[in-house]
Amino acid sequence: MFGLCGGRCRARVNVFLEPQLVKKTQKEPRFGESLAQHRRVLFRYALLQLRDSVLAEDAVQETLLAALQAEGGFAGRSSLRTWLIGILKHKIADLRRRAACETSLDESEGIGLAV
């Protein structure tokens, strides 16, 4: 199973997000290392929610990028893991919304062909 995006999302994420993530991590190595320590937990949570390893990896990658971009937004009032899981929950919701939109568009196109 390629997931909700038919396998196209993974290539797009790898091409556009990974270089940004690497550059940002090189600038703030300690924060990047802290994020990397939580990658496995984030992946397991995303996999439980999405039931698709490709989509789970995409969600984790988007989460880590968002966390690096919003590093100043982490006030330390919660643990880093809690903050990251909060971001991940929003990324998962975004993926589900996109998938629902794509599904409804596909169905409406199919109805048009049947007429």
Protein backbone atom coordinates (compact mmCIF):
# COMPACT_ATOMS: atom_id res chain seq x y z
CA MET A 1 0.00 0.00 0.00
CA PHE A 2 1.39 3.38 -0.98
CA GLY A 3 -0.83 5.31 1.39
CA LEU A 4 -3.25 8.10 0.85
CA CYS A 5 -1.06 9.94 -1.64
CA GLY A 6 -0.34 6.97 -3.91
CA GLY A 7 3.39 7.03 -3.07
CA ARG A 8 3.98 10.49 -4.54
CA CYS A 9 4.31 12.31 -1.19
CA ARG A 10 7.46 10.55 0.00
CA ALA A 11 9.56 11.66 -2.98
CA ARG A 12 8.31 15.23 -2.65
CA VAL A 13 9.11 15.33 1.09
CA ASN A 14 12.57 13.85 0.63
CA VAL A 15 13.50 16.33 -2.10
CA PHE A 16 12.26 19.48 -0.40
CA LEU A 17 12.39 18.92 3.36
CA GLU A 18 15.53 16.94 4.05
CA PRO A 19 18.05 19.52 2.76
CA GLN A 20 16.38 22.23 4.84
CA LEU A 21 16.39 19.97 7.87
CA VAL A 22 20.08 19.16 7.45
CA LYS A 23 21.10 22.83 7.02
CA LYS A 24 19.08 23.93 10.05
CA THR A 25 20.45 21.08 12.18
CA GLN A 26 24.02 22.04 11.27
CA LYS A 27 23.38 25.54 12.64
CA GLU A 28 21.87 24.36 15.96
CA PRO A 29 23.39 20.93 16.54
CA ARG A 30 22.21 20.51 20.14
CA PHE A 31 18.56 21.19 19.35
CA GLY A 32 18.76 18.99 16.26
CA GLU A 33 20.29 16.16 18.29
CA SER A 34 17.52 16.52 20.86
CA LEU A 35 14.91 16.25 18.12
CA ALA A 36 16.60 13.19 16.62
CA GLN A 37 16.37 11.39 19.97
CA HIS A 38 12.56 11.55 19.75
CA ARG A 39 12.25 10.42 16.12
CA ARG A 40 11.51 6.78 16.99
CA VAL A 41 8.74 7.67 19.47
CA LEU A 42 7.22 10.11 16.98
CA PHE A 43 7.30 7.49 14.24
CA ARG A 44 5.59 4.87 16.41
CA TYR A 45 2.85 7.35 17.37
CA ALA A 46 2.33 8.41 13.74
CA LEU A 47 2.25 4.77 12.60
CA LEU A 48 -0.42 3.93 15.18
CA GLN A 49 -2.52 6.86 14.01
CA LEU A 50 -2.02 6.58 10.24
CA ARG A 51 -1.43 2.82 9.82
CA ASP A 52 0.91 3.51 6.90
CA SER A 53 4.69 3.63 7.31
CA VAL A 54 5.28 6.02 4.39
CA LEU A 55 2.71 8.52 5.65
CA ALA A 56 4.01 8.12 9.21
CA GLU A 57 7.56 8.91 8.06
CA ASP A 58 6.30 11.94 6.12
CA ALA A 59 4.42 13.20 9.17
CA VAL A 60 7.49 12.78 11.39
CA GLN A 61 9.71 14.54 8.89
CA GLU A 62 7.29 17.45 8.59
CA THR A 63 7.07 17.57 12.39
CA LEU A 64 10.84 17.76 12.84
CA LEU A 65 11.13 20.47 10.20
CA ALA A 66 8.35 22.48 11.85
CA ALA A 67 10.03 22.06 15.23
CA LEU A 68 13.35 23.30 13.86
CA GLN A 69 11.66 26.29 12.26
CA ALA A 70 9.79 27.10 15.49
CA GLU A 71 12.64 26.42 17.89
CA GLY A 72 12.12 29.79 19.56
CA GLY A 73 8.50 28.82 20.24
CA PHE A 74 9.55 26.06 22.61
CA ALA A 75 9.28 27.75 26.00
CA GLY A 76 10.16 24.69 28.06
CA ARG A 77 6.83 24.65 29.93
CA SER A 78 6.46 21.01 28.85
CA SER A 79 8.91 18.33 27.86
CA LEU A 80 10.35 18.44 24.35
CA ARG A 81 8.61 15.13 23.60
CA THR A 82 5.21 16.56 24.59
CA TRP A 83 5.80 19.61 22.39
CA LEU A 84 6.82 17.44 19.43
CA ILE A 85 3.84 15.12 19.80
CA GLY A 86 1.58 18.18 19.81
CA ILE A 87 3.11 19.30 16.51
CA LEU A 88 2.82 15.75 15.16
CA LYS A 89 -0.89 15.60 16.03
CA HIS A 90 -1.45 18.71 13.91
CA LYS A 91 0.57 17.28 11.02
CA ILE A 92 -1.46 14.06 11.14
CA ALA A 93 -4.70 16.06 11.11
CA ASP A 94 -3.39 17.97 8.08
CA LEU A 95 -2.61 14.70 6.27
CA ARG A 96 -6.07 13.36 7.01
CA ARG A 97 -7.72 16.56 5.77
CA ARG A 98 -5.72 16.44 2.55
CA ALA A 99 -6.59 12.77 2.08
CA ALA A 100 -10.30 13.44 2.66
CA CYS A 101 -10.19 16.28 0.15
CA GLU A 102 -8.42 14.09 -2.45
CA THR A 103 -10.94 11.29 -1.85
CA SER A 104 -13.93 13.59 -2.30
CA LEU A 105 -12.39 15.03 -5.47
CA ASP A 106 -11.75 11.54 -6.84
CA GLU A 107 -15.33 10.50 -6.10
CA SER A 108 -16.80 13.58 -7.75
CA GLU A 109 -14.67 12.96 -10.85
CA GLY A 110 -15.92 9.37 -10.94
CA ILE A 111 -19.53 10.56 -10.77
CA GLY A 112 -18.90 12.87 -13.72
CA LEU A 113 -17.57 9.97 -15.78
CA ALA A 114 -20.59 7.80 -15.04
CA VAL A 115 -23.07 10.32 -16.43
